[in-house]
């Protein structure tokens, strides 16, 4: 069985890649379901927020250094999401 993959490490890598592929597929299916309930603009705003949060989490977890331009871009992204949510709330009143 090791002759098929070369070593145990390769087998573990193949398992992790398979899990990654399955999770990516599940994420895609969930995204299509969510898009059926929300407008494309809302989905895009949520995706932008998700990316900003990933940047913030990577800073905390991995200790990544952040330059001024990255901070500015992340801040603009978060302000944009807040403005969008505020505008949607005002429209629904």
Protein backbone atom coordinates (compact mmCIF):
# COMPACT_ATOMS: atom_id res chain seq x y z
CA UNK A 1 0.00 0.00 0.00
CA UNK A 2 2.95 2.33 0.58
CA UNK A 3 4.24 1.48 -2.91
CA UNK A 4 1.28 3.37 -4.37
CA UNK A 5 2.12 6.65 -2.66
CA UNK A 6 5.83 6.34 -1.92
CA UNK A 7 5.73 7.01 1.83
CA UNK A 8 3.42 7.57 4.76
CA UNK A 9 3.89 11.32 4.43
CA UNK A 10 2.63 11.20 0.85
CA UNK A 11 -0.40 9.21 2.00
CA UNK A 12 -1.16 11.79 4.67
CA UNK A 13 -0.80 14.54 2.10
CA UNK A 14 -3.23 12.77 -0.23
CA UNK A 15 -5.75 12.40 2.60
CA UNK A 16 -5.45 16.09 3.47
CA UNK A 17 -5.85 17.08 -0.19
CA UNK A 18 -8.94 14.87 -0.45
CA UNK A 19 -10.43 16.46 2.68
CA UNK A 20 -9.63 19.91 1.30
CA UNK A 21 -11.40 19.08 -1.95
CA UNK A 22 -14.49 17.79 -0.15
CA UNK A 23 -14.65 20.88 2.06
CA UNK A 24 -14.24 23.16 -0.97
CA UNK A 25 -17.12 21.37 -2.68
CA UNK A 26 -19.30 21.73 0.43
CA UNK A 27 -18.43 25.44 0.60
CA UNK A 28 -19.46 25.86 -3.05
CA UNK A 29 -22.79 24.12 -2.49
CA UNK A 30 -23.47 26.27 0.58
CA UNK A 31 -22.58 29.40 -1.40
CA UNK A 32 -25.16 28.52 -4.07
CA UNK A 33 -27.81 27.95 -1.40
CA UNK A 34 -26.99 31.26 0.28
CA UNK A 35 -27.13 33.07 -3.08
CA UNK A 36 -30.66 31.79 -3.59
CA UNK A 37 -31.73 33.67 -0.44
CA UNK A 38 -29.65 36.85 -0.76
CA UNK A 39 -29.00 39.38 -3.49
CA UNK A 40 -25.70 39.19 -5.38
CA UNK A 41 -24.62 42.51 -3.87
CA UNK A 42 -25.19 41.22 -0.33
CA UNK A 43 -23.21 38.07 -1.09
CA UNK A 44 -20.38 40.20 -2.47
CA UNK A 45 -20.36 42.40 0.64
CA UNK A 46 -20.32 39.35 2.91
CA UNK A 47 -17.44 37.88 0.88
CA UNK A 48 -15.52 41.15 1.26
CA UNK A 49 -16.11 41.08 5.01
CA UNK A 50 -14.94 37.46 5.11
CA UNK A 51 -11.67 38.41 3.41
CA UNK A 52 -11.06 41.26 5.85
CA UNK A 53 -11.70 38.95 8.80
CA UNK A 54 -9.29 36.38 7.37
CA UNK A 55 -6.61 39.09 7.23
CA UNK A 56 -7.31 40.04 10.86
CA UNK A 57 -7.27 36.42 12.02
CA UNK A 58 -4.00 35.71 10.20
CA UNK A 59 -2.44 38.71 11.91
CA UNK A 60 -3.49 37.37 15.31
CA UNK A 61 -2.73 33.68 14.74
CA UNK A 62 0.44 33.85 12.64
CA UNK A 63 1.80 37.19 13.78
CA UNK A 64 1.94 38.52 10.22
CA UNK A 65 3.30 42.02 9.90
CA UNK A 66 0.90 44.53 8.40
CA UNK A 67 1.98 47.67 6.61
CA UNK A 68 0.04 50.92 6.49
CA UNK A 69 -1.48 50.18 3.07
CA UNK A 70 -2.88 46.84 4.28
CA UNK A 71 -4.33 48.48 7.38
CA UNK A 72 -5.91 51.20 5.25
CA UNK A 73 -7.41 48.69 2.81
CA UNK A 74 -8.81 46.52 5.57
CA UNK A 75 -10.27 49.56 7.29
CA UNK A 76 -11.92 50.77 4.07
CA UNK A 77 -13.35 47.29 3.57
CA UNK A 78 -14.87 47.19 7.06
CA UNK A 79 -16.25 50.74 6.77
CA UNK A 80 -17.82 49.80 3.44
CA UNK A 81 -19.53 46.78 4.99
CA UNK A 82 -20.81 48.92 7.88
CA UNK A 83 -22.13 51.56 5.45
CA UNK A 84 -23.86 48.90 3.38
CA UNK A 85 -25.52 47.38 6.45
CA UNK A 86 -26.57 50.81 7.73
CA UNK A 87 -28.08 51.70 4.34
CA UNK A 88 -29.97 48.38 4.17
CA UNK A 89 -31.32 48.98 7.68
CA UNK A 90 -32.45 52.51 6.76
CA UNK A 91 -34.24 51.21 3.65
CA UNK A 92 -36.14 48.61 5.62
CA UNK A 93 -37.57 51.19 8.08
